[in-house]
Amino acid sequence: AWAAWCARGPDPGCPLQTPVMAPLKIKDSRHMPPGIELMHAFTGRRSYNFYRATVLILTFLCYAGYHASRKPPSIAKSVLNGNIGGISSTGKAGRTLLAAAPTVSLDTQNGWEPFNGPGGKIKLGQVDLAFLGTYAIGMFFAGHLGDRLDLRWFLSAGMMGSGVFVALFGMGYFWDVHVFSYYIFVSVAAGLFQSTGWPSVVAIVANWSGKGKRGLIMGIWSANTSVGNIIGTVASAGLLSWGWGWSFVTLGLTMMALAVVMFLFLVVQPSDVGVSPQEGADGKGCEGDRQAYDNRPHGEADGIHFWDAWRIPGVAPYAFCLFFAKLIAYTFLYWLPYYIKSTPIEGRWLTSKEAGDLSVLFDIGGVAGGIMAGHLSDKSGASAVVSVSFMLCAVPSLWLYRTFGKVSFSANVSLMMLSGFLVNGPYALITTAVSADLGTHESLQGNSKALATVTAIIDGMGSLGAALGPMLTGYMSDSGGFDLVFMMLYASALAAAALLARLAAREFLVLRAGAGAKRGYSPLALQLASASPAAAR
């Protein structure tokens, strides 16, 4: 579907297209990436579809890299925490980056000071909070800055800084650092740089996409988060036998390399390379693509004020819904490998690597969930109904996983994938298609410089929940066990559904009357149109 969308040919019936469109003048050569400029020198300017496909691939790899670099803390938790009450491991003399892999499994060690012993899980939760709390706060400022700065420079700098501080966390292993404040400081800095990612990539993708099939296309594209989680999990688990620091250093260096690629080749918007939309399989698609081209964020309109963005219809309920949806998703992101390792399956205790590899299945289910949620949103025009349905179904799925996941490996695998499907579906939908639609809402009167701000508000609120969930998990698992953690997850799923219940009810009334199918609303247009009492009636 993604390839077909990128390769759509011209639509002769579209009034905004002509059989041959003359190349447009490049608005400002300073915005052209140096790698693209070099390519033009040898091959000339390429088609609009070529650049759009390139942007989708690069932004997919970009945010997959962001998420991959967040996985080492979750994979290394069991190694850092070690055996409760065991003897402290203070490190080995002469440890270097070129040292040979140890022959003894790290599972037999007693953790890494200061994270081992009583209270170790609480400290691990505090490190998660330091990263995710700064990430959430930084998200609000990042969206505001992203609407005013060159997104290629902004995104590349954020990726480079993020890679540096992720690697520095791992260097604590090679430098024998056992000072808790060091890991807190590095996590705070890494969270700040990581906050540049999501508002930037969503704004860039929206510049190149219309609204015709935004839910499905961005549902496929949003698989970058789950793909990044899978890559980060497999790489981190595979590197544990060399020492936990390798997981951080390797993925940090990968982020730095991706930052260079983004700076050289990422095209923020069509006018940066002098092209215009050439596709449009139907009138809506053509109009949407043309509107995306007309977005010009470089100095032609003032960015929207932060509090004005909150007043856009639909922003507040979706933002608070994402708070709870992301709390669930990030609790699994940071604690699922630890939970699997600490829970016997068929009476067998898994190693850290085996637990990390098995946890990948949650993200595989999440990929399917994001695509399905986007597809259902496109077909029904009812994003709130889709999100509420997924979150309500997630409650029994999570209960089944907690209760019967330990019975057999087949039950664990199937229930874990089902939980990932239901949890990540609305999370992916809200952070992509819903955010993009709200960021181009008609109340903005064509102001294209609000998209990153709106995206940052919605995902920023979600990230506050993402910071709270892993931290509370550290305290709850240390005092009351994982039964208490799962109670928190059940309550969060119900709260997320309740926050969208009013919007979902209005959408359902409109769908029942047949208005959505008759008028052909885009994913959020139905909800926003039904917000008035007249539409609800």
Protein backbone atom coordinates (compact mmCIF):
# COMPACT_ATOMS: atom_id res chain seq x y z
CA ALA A 1 0.00 0.00 0.00
CA TRP A 2 2.85 2.33 0.83
CA ALA A 3 4.65 1.66 -2.48
CA ALA A 4 1.41 2.05 -4.46
CA TRP A 5 0.66 5.36 -2.74
CA CYS A 6 4.15 6.69 -3.55
CA ALA A 7 3.97 5.56 -7.17
CA ARG A 8 0.52 6.86 -8.13
CA GLY A 9 0.55 8.46 -11.53
CA PRO A 10 -1.08 11.71 -12.68
CA ASP A 11 -4.85 11.91 -12.63
CA PRO A 12 -6.14 13.43 -15.88
CA GLY A 13 -9.43 14.32 -14.23
CA CYS A 14 -7.84 16.36 -11.49
CA PRO A 15 -8.28 20.12 -12.12
CA LEU A 16 -5.08 20.88 -10.23
CA GLN A 17 -2.94 18.82 -12.64
CA THR A 18 -1.99 19.26 -16.26
CA PRO A 19 -0.44 16.60 -18.53
CA VAL A 20 2.97 18.26 -18.19
CA MET A 21 3.83 20.56 -15.31
CA ALA A 22 6.75 22.87 -15.67
CA PRO A 23 9.41 22.59 -12.97
CA LEU A 24 8.92 25.10 -10.21
CA LYS A 25 11.57 27.46 -9.03
CA ILE A 26 13.34 26.38 -5.87
CA LYS A 27 12.16 28.75 -3.17
CA ASP A 28 15.42 28.96 -1.26
CA SER A 29 18.51 26.93 -2.16
CA ARG A 30 19.71 27.22 1.44
CA HIS A 31 17.05 24.65 2.42
CA MET A 32 18.21 22.05 -0.13
CA PRO A 33 20.13 19.20 1.54
CA PRO A 34 23.76 18.99 0.36
CA GLY A 35 23.41 15.35 -0.66
CA ILE A 36 20.38 16.14 -2.84
CA GLU A 37 22.21 19.12 -4.33
CA LEU A 38 25.11 16.86 -5.27
CA MET A 39 22.71 14.34 -6.78
CA HIS A 40 21.14 17.09 -8.89
CA ALA A 41 24.55 17.97 -10.24
CA PHE A 42 24.90 14.46 -11.70
CA THR A 43 21.35 13.29 -12.45
CA GLY A 44 19.24 16.45 -12.48
CA ARG A 45 16.02 17.03 -10.61
CA ARG A 46 13.86 13.94 -10.00
CA SER A 47 10.08 13.53 -9.82
CA TYR A 48 7.86 14.47 -6.91
CA ASN A 49 7.13 10.78 -6.25
CA PHE A 50 10.84 10.05 -5.95
CA TYR A 51 11.38 12.70 -3.32
CA ARG A 52 8.27 11.72 -1.40
CA ALA A 53 9.28 8.06 -1.29
CA THR A 54 12.75 9.13 -0.13
CA VAL A 55 11.26 11.26 2.65
CA LEU A 56 9.03 8.42 3.87
CA ILE A 57 11.93 5.97 3.95
CA LEU A 58 14.34 8.38 5.64
CA THR A 59 11.86 9.50 8.32
CA PHE A 60 10.93 5.86 8.92
CA LEU A 61 14.59 4.99 9.50
CA CYS A 62 15.06 8.15 11.56
CA TYR A 63 12.38 7.42 14.12
CA ALA A 64 13.13 3.70 14.13
CA GLY A 65 16.60 4.81 15.25
CA TYR A 66 15.12 6.97 18.01
CA HIS A 67 13.12 4.04 19.37
CA ALA A 68 15.95 1.52 18.97
CA SER A 69 18.14 3.75 21.16
CA ARG A 70 15.49 3.63 23.92
CA LYS A 71 15.56 -0.16 24.24
CA PRO A 72 18.95 -0.75 25.97
CA PRO A 73 17.65 0.37 29.42
CA SER A 74 14.84 -2.19 29.33
CA ILE A 75 17.08 -5.02 28.13
CA ALA A 76 19.86 -4.22 30.61
CA LYS A 77 17.55 -3.90 33.63
CA SER A 78 17.86 -7.50 34.73
CA VAL A 79 21.67 -7.33 34.43
CA LEU A 80 21.93 -4.01 36.25
CA ASN A 81 19.59 -5.10 39.04
CA GLY A 82 21.17 -8.56 39.43
CA ASN A 83 20.21 -10.79 42.33
CA ILE A 84 18.48 -8.94 45.16
CA GLY A 85 20.67 -9.00 48.23
CA GLY A 86 23.71 -10.22 46.31
CA ILE A 87 27.25 -8.93 46.57
CA SER A 88 27.93 -5.72 44.72
CA SER A 89 29.76 -5.87 41.39
CA THR A 90 32.23 -3.04 41.24
CA GLY A 91 33.61 -3.79 37.81
CA LYS A 92 36.79 -5.36 36.46
CA ALA A 93 40.09 -3.65 35.96
CA GLY A 94 41.25 -3.15 32.40
CA ARG A 95 37.79 -3.27 30.80
CA THR A 96 38.03 -1.74 27.30
CA LEU A 97 35.94 -1.38 24.19
CA LEU A 98 38.10 -4.01 22.47
CA ALA A 99 37.93 -6.58 25.26
CA ALA A 100 36.95 -10.12 24.39
CA ALA A 101 33.46 -11.33 25.25
CA PRO A 102 33.20 -12.90 28.71
CA THR A 103 32.70 -16.62 28.84
CA VAL A 104 30.44 -16.50 31.88
CA SER A 105 26.82 -15.36 31.45
CA LEU A 106 26.08 -12.01 33.01
CA ASP A 107 22.97 -13.56 34.53
CA THR A 108 25.26 -15.10 37.19
CA GLN A 109 26.59 -11.72 38.26
CA ASN A 110 25.12 -9.72 41.11
CA GLY A 111 24.20 -6.55 39.27
CA TRP A 112 25.82 -3.19 38.82
CA GLU A 113 26.13 -0.71 41.62
CA PRO A 114 24.12 1.49 42.28
CA PHE A 115 21.24 -0.50 40.73
CA ASN A 116 21.70 -3.80 42.56
CA GLY A 117 20.51 -4.77 46.00
CA PRO A 118 17.41 -3.53 47.87
CA GLY A 119 15.87 -0.47 46.20
CA GLY A 120 17.61 -1.21 42.91
CA LYS A 121 14.38 -1.41 40.94
CA ILE A 122 13.30 1.94 42.37
CA LYS A 123 16.52 3.53 41.13
CA LEU A 124 16.01 1.97 37.71
CA GLY A 125 12.53 3.51 37.69
CA GLN A 126 14.02 6.88 38.63
CA VAL A 127 16.42 6.67 35.68
CA ASP A 128 13.43 5.99 33.42
CA LEU A 129 11.65 8.98 34.93
CA ALA A 130 14.68 11.22 34.39
CA PHE A 131 14.75 10.32 30.70
CA LEU A 132 11.02 10.26 29.99
CA GLY A 133 10.14 13.25 32.17
CA THR A 134 12.67 15.44 30.39
CA TYR A 135 11.51 13.99 27.08
CA ALA A 136 7.89 14.93 27.84
CA ILE A 137 8.72 18.47 28.98
CA GLY A 138 11.10 19.00 26.08
CA MET A 139 8.43 17.87 23.64
CA PHE A 140 6.32 20.99 24.25
CA PHE A 141 9.26 23.29 23.53
CA ALA A 142 10.48 21.16 20.62
CA GLY A 143 7.17 21.51 18.78
CA HIS A 144 7.22 25.28 19.24
CA LEU A 145 10.79 25.50 17.94
CA GLY A 146 10.14 23.04 15.12
CA ASP A 147 7.50 25.32 13.63
CA ARG A 148 10.05 28.16 13.50
CA LEU A 149 13.35 26.50 12.55
CA ASP A 150 14.62 24.51 9.60
CA LEU A 151 13.41 21.01 10.49
CA ARG A 152 16.36 19.28 8.81
CA TRP A 153 18.89 21.10 10.99
CA PHE A 154 16.69 20.75 14.06
CA LEU A 155 16.12 17.02 13.59
CA SER A 156 19.74 16.24 12.73
CA ALA A 157 21.04 18.10 15.79
CA GLY A 158 18.56 16.27 18.02
CA MET A 159 19.61 12.89 16.65
CA MET A 160 23.30 13.65 17.07
CA GLY A 161 22.87 14.83 20.67
CA SER A 162 20.66 11.86 21.48
CA GLY A 163 23.24 9.43 20.11
CA VAL A 164 26.03 11.06 22.12
CA PHE A 165 24.24 10.78 25.47
CA VAL A 166 22.91 7.26 24.86
CA ALA A 167 26.51 6.22 24.20
CA LEU A 168 27.69 8.07 27.32
CA PHE A 169 25.28 6.04 29.45
CA GLY A 170 26.95 2.89 28.16
CA MET A 171 30.41 4.33 28.70
CA GLY A 172 29.65 4.12 32.41
CA TYR A 173 30.35 0.40 32.02
CA PHE A 174 33.77 0.92 30.42
CA TRP A 175 34.74 3.78 32.76
CA ASP A 176 33.56 1.86 35.87
CA VAL A 177 31.12 4.59 36.88
CA HIS A 178 28.99 3.68 39.90
CA VAL A 179 27.70 7.17 40.74
CA PHE A 180 23.89 7.36 40.49
CA SER A 181 23.89 11.07 39.63
CA TYR A 182 25.98 10.36 36.50
CA TYR A 183 23.28 8.11 35.06
CA ILE A 184 20.56 10.58 36.02
CA PHE A 185 22.37 13.48 34.28
CA VAL A 186 23.02 11.48 31.09
CA SER A 187 19.38 10.31 31.00
CA VAL A 188 18.08 13.86 31.41
CA ALA A 189 20.26 15.11 28.53
CA ALA A 190 19.30 12.16 26.31
CA GLY A 191 15.59 12.79 26.94
CA LEU A 192 15.93 16.44 26.03
CA PHE A 193 17.52 15.65 22.66
CA GLN A 194 15.11 12.79 21.97
CA SER A 195 12.16 15.19 22.24
CA THR A 196 13.13 16.79 18.90
CA GLY A 197 12.19 13.67 16.96
CA TRP A 198 8.47 13.04 16.78
CA PRO A 199 7.12 16.57 16.14
CA SER A 200 9.71 17.01 13.39
CA VAL A 201 9.12 13.77 11.50
CA VAL A 202 5.31 14.04 11.66
CA ALA A 203 5.45 17.62 10.34
CA ILE A 204 7.79 16.60 7.50
CA VAL A 205 5.67 13.61 6.47
CA ALA A 206 2.50 15.72 6.57
CA ASN A 207 4.17 18.23 4.21
CA TRP A 208 4.38 15.45 1.63
CA SER A 209 1.01 13.74 2.14
CA GLY A 210 -2.62 14.51 1.48
CA LYS A 211 -5.57 13.44 3.60
CA GLY A 212 -7.15 10.87 1.26
CA LYS A 213 -5.64 7.76 2.92
CA ARG A 214 -3.71 9.41 5.74
CA GLY A 215 -4.84 6.92 8.37
CA LEU A 216 -3.66 3.83 6.47
CA ILE A 217 -0.45 5.36 5.10
CA MET A 218 0.61 6.87 8.41
CA GLY A 219 -0.47 3.68 10.16
CA ILE A 220 2.04 1.79 8.01
CA TRP A 221 4.65 4.51 8.44
CA SER A 222 4.14 4.59 12.23
CA ALA A 223 5.42 1.01 12.34
CA ASN A 224 8.80 2.76 12.68
CA THR A 225 8.31 2.77 16.45
CA SER A 226 7.73 -0.97 16.67
CA VAL A 227 10.42 -1.76 14.09
CA GLY A 228 12.83 0.40 16.10
CA ASN A 229 11.85 -1.43 19.28
CA ILE A 230 12.47 -4.78 17.59
CA ILE A 231 15.87 -3.74 16.22
CA GLY A 232 16.87 -2.23 19.56
CA THR A 233 15.74 -5.30 21.46
CA VAL A 234 17.53 -7.81 19.23
CA ALA A 235 20.72 -5.74 19.09
CA SER A 236 20.78 -5.01 22.83
CA ALA A 237 20.03 -8.60 23.83
CA GLY A 238 22.67 -9.91 21.45
CA LEU A 239 25.32 -7.57 22.88
CA LEU A 240 24.66 -8.40 26.54
CA SER A 241 27.22 -11.21 26.48
CA TRP A 242 29.90 -8.59 25.78
CA GLY A 243 28.75 -6.37 28.65
CA TRP A 244 25.71 -4.17 29.11
CA GLY A 245 27.58 -1.03 28.03
CA TRP A 246 27.90 -2.32 24.47
CA SER A 247 24.11 -2.11 23.99
CA PHE A 248 24.13 1.63 24.66
CA VAL A 249 27.33 2.49 22.80
CA THR A 250 26.42 0.59 19.63
CA LEU A 251 22.94 2.10 19.29
CA GLY A 252 24.24 5.55 20.24
CA LEU A 253 26.78 5.40 17.41
CA THR A 254 24.04 4.22 15.05
CA MET A 255 21.99 7.30 15.93
CA MET A 256 24.93 9.57 15.17
CA ALA A 257 25.39 7.93 11.76
CA LEU A 258 21.68 8.34 10.98
CA ALA A 259 21.90 12.02 11.95
CA VAL A 260 24.50 12.57 9.23
CA VAL A 261 22.30 10.79 6.66
CA MET A 262 19.28 12.95 7.58
CA PHE A 263 21.28 16.14 7.29
CA LEU A 264 22.60 15.18 3.85
CA PHE A 265 19.43 13.86 2.21
CA LEU A 266 16.20 14.75 4.06
CA VAL A 267 13.96 17.14 2.08
CA VAL A 268 11.57 18.95 4.42
CA GLN A 269 9.00 20.07 1.85
CA PRO A 270 8.47 19.97 -1.95
CA SER A 271 9.41 23.59 -2.58
CA ASP A 272 12.90 22.94 -1.18
CA VAL A 273 13.69 20.97 -4.34
CA GLY A 274 11.37 22.79 -6.75
CA VAL A 275 8.71 20.12 -7.31
CA SER A 276 4.94 20.01 -6.93
CA PRO A 277 2.43 17.17 -6.42
CA GLN A 278 1.88 15.07 -9.54
CA GLU A 279 -0.45 12.42 -8.16
CA GLY A 280 -4.10 12.27 -7.25
CA ALA A 281 -6.01 9.09 -7.76
CA ASP A 282 -9.19 10.96 -6.82
CA GLY A 283 -10.21 14.50 -6.23
CA LYS A 284 -9.60 14.34 -2.51
CA GLY A 285 -6.14 12.89 -2.89
CA CYS A 286 -5.14 15.47 -5.46
CA GLU A 287 -6.44 18.33 -3.36
CA GLY A 288 -4.74 16.98 -0.25
CA ASP A 289 -1.39 16.62 -1.96
CA ARG A 290 -1.67 20.09 -3.48
CA GLN A 291 -2.50 21.51 -0.05
CA ALA A 292 0.52 19.74 1.40
CA TYR A 293 2.68 21.37 -1.25
CA ASP A 294 1.23 24.78 -0.49
CA ASN A 295 2.45 24.49 3.12
CA ARG A 296 5.42 26.83 3.42
CA PRO A 297 6.83 26.91 6.93
CA HIS A 298 9.83 29.10 6.17
CA GLY A 299 8.82 32.55 7.22
CA GLU A 300 5.46 32.98 5.51
CA ALA A 301 3.23 32.73 8.57
CA ASP A 302 3.61 33.10 12.28
CA GLY A 303 3.56 29.92 14.34
CA ILE A 304 0.44 29.32 16.38
CA HIS A 305 0.52 30.22 20.07
CA PHE A 306 0.81 27.27 22.45
CA TRP A 307 -2.50 27.92 24.22
CA ASP A 308 -4.31 28.57 20.93
CA ALA A 309 -3.27 25.09 19.80
CA TRP A 310 -4.99 23.63 22.87
CA ARG A 311 -8.26 25.30 21.75
CA ILE A 312 -8.37 23.44 18.44
CA PRO A 313 -11.38 21.09 18.63
CA GLY A 314 -10.27 17.57 19.49
CA VAL A 315 -6.75 18.36 20.72
CA ALA A 316 -7.44 18.16 24.48
CA PRO A 317 -9.37 14.84 24.60
CA TYR A 318 -6.92 13.09 22.31
CA ALA A 319 -3.94 14.48 24.22
CA PHE A 320 -5.24 13.21 27.57
CA CYS A 321 -6.28 9.89 26.04
CA LEU A 322 -2.73 9.45 24.76
CA PHE A 323 -1.45 10.12 28.29
CA PHE A 324 -2.91 6.79 29.42
CA ALA A 325 -2.35 4.91 26.16
CA LYS A 326 1.33 5.77 26.17
CA LEU A 327 1.61 4.97 29.88
CA ILE A 328 0.67 1.38 29.00
CA ALA A 329 2.86 1.19 25.90
CA TYR A 330 5.98 2.54 27.62
CA THR A 331 5.51 0.38 30.69
CA PHE A 332 5.81 -2.58 28.34
CA LEU A 333 8.65 -0.92 26.43
CA TYR A 334 10.79 -0.49 29.56
CA TRP A 335 9.72 -3.39 31.78
CA LEU A 336 8.47 -6.26 29.59
CA PRO A 337 11.86 -8.01 29.25
CA TYR A 338 12.35 -7.76 33.02
CA TYR A 339 8.84 -9.09 33.65
CA ILE A 340 9.38 -12.03 31.30
CA LYS A 341 12.69 -12.90 32.97
CA SER A 342 11.16 -12.73 36.45
CA THR A 343 8.12 -14.88 35.56
CA PRO A 344 8.57 -18.60 34.84
CA ILE A 345 6.91 -19.91 31.67
CA GLU A 346 6.00 -23.61 31.84
CA GLY A 347 8.12 -23.65 35.00
CA ARG A 348 11.23 -22.44 33.16
CA TRP A 349 13.14 -19.25 33.97
CA LEU A 350 14.47 -17.43 30.90
CA THR A 351 17.83 -15.69 30.57
CA SER A 352 18.06 -11.96 29.91
CA LYS A 353 18.73 -12.54 26.21
CA GLU A 354 15.86 -15.00 25.85
CA ALA A 355 13.48 -12.62 27.64
CA GLY A 356 14.58 -9.74 25.40
CA ASP A 357 14.13 -11.80 22.24
CA LEU A 358 10.66 -12.98 23.34
CA SER A 359 9.53 -9.42 24.12
CA VAL A 360 9.95 -8.54 20.44
CA LEU A 361 6.60 -10.21 19.77
CA PHE A 362 4.76 -7.42 21.59
CA ASP A 363 6.09 -4.95 19.01
CA ILE A 364 5.30 -7.26 16.10
CA GLY A 365 1.70 -7.25 17.28
CA GLY A 366 1.96 -3.47 17.61
CA VAL A 367 2.91 -3.09 13.93
CA ALA A 368 -0.26 -4.91 12.87
CA GLY A 369 -2.33 -2.93 15.36
CA GLY A 370 -1.16 0.44 14.05
CA ILE A 371 -1.90 -0.53 10.44
CA MET A 372 -5.32 -1.92 11.28
CA ALA A 373 -6.30 1.11 13.38
CA GLY A 374 -5.33 3.45 10.54
CA HIS A 375 -7.23 1.37 8.00
CA LEU A 376 -10.38 1.26 10.15
CA SER A 377 -10.12 5.00 10.73
CA ASP A 378 -9.98 5.65 6.98
CA LYS A 379 -12.90 3.33 6.26
CA SER A 380 -15.18 4.52 9.06
CA GLY A 381 -14.09 8.14 9.39
CA ALA A 382 -14.36 7.63 13.15
CA SER A 383 -10.99 7.82 14.89
CA ALA A 384 -12.47 8.05 18.38
CA VAL A 385 -14.66 4.96 17.91
CA VAL A 386 -11.64 2.98 16.70
CA SER A 387 -9.47 4.15 19.60
CA VAL A 388 -12.11 3.46 22.26
CA SER A 389 -12.80 -0.01 20.85
CA PHE A 390 -9.14 -0.95 20.92
CA MET A 391 -8.59 0.32 24.47
CA LEU A 392 -11.65 -1.46 25.87
CA CYS A 393 -10.56 -4.73 24.26
CA ALA A 394 -7.06 -4.24 25.69
CA VAL A 395 -8.34 -4.69 29.27
CA PRO A 396 -9.34 -8.38 28.98
CA SER A 397 -6.32 -9.03 26.76
CA LEU A 398 -3.92 -7.74 29.41
CA TRP A 399 -5.70 -9.75 32.12
CA LEU A 400 -5.43 -12.91 30.04
CA TYR A 401 -1.74 -12.31 29.45
CA ARG A 402 -1.04 -11.81 33.16
CA THR A 403 -3.14 -14.82 34.19
CA PHE A 404 -2.42 -17.40 31.48
CA GLY A 405 0.81 -16.17 29.88
CA LYS A 406 2.87 -18.35 32.19
CA VAL A 407 0.93 -21.54 31.39
CA SER A 408 2.70 -22.23 28.09
CA PHE A 409 4.95 -20.56 25.53
CA SER A 410 2.21 -20.67 22.88
CA ALA A 411 -0.24 -18.90 25.22
CA ASN A 412 2.43 -16.34 26.17
CA VAL A 413 3.28 -15.59 22.54
CA SER A 414 -0.31 -15.28 21.30
CA LEU A 415 -1.52 -13.17 24.24
CA MET A 416 1.55 -10.92 24.12
CA MET A 417 1.02 -10.23 20.41
CA LEU A 418 -2.68 -9.59 20.97
CA SER A 419 -1.90 -7.14 23.77
CA GLY A 420 0.63 -5.33 21.55
CA PHE A 421 -1.95 -5.17 18.75
CA LEU A 422 -4.60 -3.57 20.97
CA VAL A 423 -2.32 -1.25 22.96
CA ASN A 424 -0.27 0.13 20.05
CA GLY A 425 -3.21 0.53 17.64
CA PRO A 426 -4.72 3.72 19.15
CA TYR A 427 -1.26 4.92 20.24
CA ALA A 428 -0.05 4.84 16.62
CA LEU A 429 -3.28 6.32 15.24
CA ILE A 430 -3.38 9.29 17.62
CA THR A 431 0.29 10.20 17.29
CA THR A 432 0.23 10.15 13.47
CA ALA A 433 -2.95 10.62 11.44
CA VAL A 434 -4.99 12.24 14.22
CA SER A 435 -2.21 14.68 15.09
CA ALA A 436 -1.63 15.55 11.42
CA ASP A 437 -5.34 16.16 10.83
CA LEU A 438 -5.68 18.34 13.90
CA GLY A 439 -2.53 20.27 12.97
CA THR A 440 -4.11 21.24 9.64
CA HIS A 441 -7.58 21.89 11.04
CA GLU A 442 -9.70 24.44 9.17
CA SER A 443 -9.83 26.73 12.22
CA LEU A 444 -6.16 27.52 11.55
CA GLN A 445 -7.19 29.26 8.31
CA GLY A 446 -4.39 27.77 6.26
CA ASN A 447 -1.61 28.45 8.76
CA SER A 448 0.77 25.54 8.05
CA LYS A 449 3.13 26.39 10.89
CA ALA A 450 1.02 24.80 13.62
CA LEU A 451 1.57 21.16 12.80
CA ALA A 452 4.67 20.54 14.89
CA THR A 453 3.16 22.47 17.83
CA VAL A 454 -0.07 20.43 17.78
CA THR A 455 1.86 17.18 17.38
CA ALA A 456 4.11 18.14 20.29
CA ILE A 457 1.14 18.95 22.55
CA ILE A 458 -0.56 15.62 21.90
CA ASP A 459 2.60 13.52 22.08
CA GLY A 460 3.95 15.65 24.92
CA MET A 461 0.94 14.79 27.07
CA GLY A 462 1.38 11.18 26.06
CA SER A 463 5.01 11.33 27.05
CA LEU A 464 4.09 12.53 30.54
CA GLY A 465 2.16 9.29 30.91
CA ALA A 466 5.11 7.43 29.39
CA ALA A 467 7.33 8.91 32.11
CA LEU A 468 4.91 8.08 34.91
CA GLY A 469 4.24 4.46 33.95
CA PRO A 470 7.79 3.03 34.11
CA MET A 471 8.55 4.99 37.29
CA LEU A 472 5.43 3.69 39.07
CA THR A 473 6.25 0.20 37.83
CA GLY A 474 9.61 0.38 39.60
CA TYR A 475 7.94 1.24 42.92
CA MET A 476 4.97 -1.14 42.52
CA SER A 477 7.00 -4.16 41.45
CA ASP A 478 9.39 -3.59 44.35
CA SER A 479 6.63 -3.42 46.94
CA GLY A 480 3.50 -5.17 45.68
CA GLY A 481 4.69 -7.24 42.73
CA PHE A 482 3.48 -7.20 39.14
CA ASP A 483 -0.16 -7.85 40.05
CA LEU A 484 -0.31 -4.25 41.23
CA VAL A 485 1.39 -3.10 38.01
CA PHE A 486 -1.23 -4.81 35.87
CA MET A 487 -4.01 -3.23 37.92
CA MET A 488 -2.52 0.13 36.95
CA LEU A 489 -2.54 -0.93 33.28
CA TYR A 490 -6.20 -2.00 33.41
CA ALA A 491 -7.23 1.31 34.98
CA SER A 492 -5.20 3.28 32.41
CA ALA A 493 -6.87 1.53 29.47
CA LEU A 494 -10.33 2.27 30.91
CA ALA A 495 -9.39 5.91 31.52
CA ALA A 496 -8.12 6.31 27.95
CA ALA A 497 -11.41 4.97 26.60
CA ALA A 498 -13.47 7.17 28.93
CA LEU A 499 -11.71 10.35 27.78
CA LEU A 500 -12.80 9.73 24.18
CA ALA A 501 -16.23 8.36 25.05
CA ARG A 502 -18.09 11.58 24.28
CA LEU A 503 -16.43 12.02 20.90
CA ALA A 504 -16.96 8.34 20.12
CA ALA A 505 -20.67 8.61 20.98
CA ARG A 506 -21.08 11.54 18.62
CA GLU A 507 -19.24 9.71 15.87
CA PHE A 508 -21.42 6.66 16.41
CA LEU A 509 -24.60 8.74 16.05
CA VAL A 510 -23.37 10.23 12.79
CA LEU A 511 -22.30 6.83 11.48
CA ARG A 512 -25.67 5.40 12.44
CA ALA A 513 -27.43 8.11 10.48
CA GLY A 514 -25.26 7.38 7.46
CA ALA A 515 -23.87 10.91 7.34
CA GLY A 516 -20.24 9.77 7.32
CA ALA A 517 -20.62 7.54 4.26
CA LYS A 518 -22.77 10.09 2.39
CA ARG A 519 -20.46 13.06 2.90
CA GLY A 520 -17.14 11.19 2.61
CA TYR A 521 -15.40 12.76 5.59
CA SER A 522 -11.67 12.23 6.14
CA PRO A 523 -10.56 10.51 9.39
CA LEU A 524 -11.03 13.45 11.76
CA ALA A 525 -13.49 15.50 9.71
CA LEU A 526 -16.38 13.33 10.90
CA GLN A 527 -15.53 13.83 14.54
CA LEU A 528 -15.02 17.58 14.22
CA ALA A 529 -18.18 18.00 12.17
CA SER A 530 -20.16 16.06 14.74
CA ALA A 531 -18.94 18.22 17.61
CA SER A 532 -21.91 20.55 17.24
CA PRO A 533 -25.28 19.69 18.80
CA ALA A 534 -26.93 19.88 15.37
CA ALA A 535 -24.62 17.27 13.94
CA ALA A 536 -25.07 15.06 16.97
CA ARG A 537 -28.84 15.17 16.52
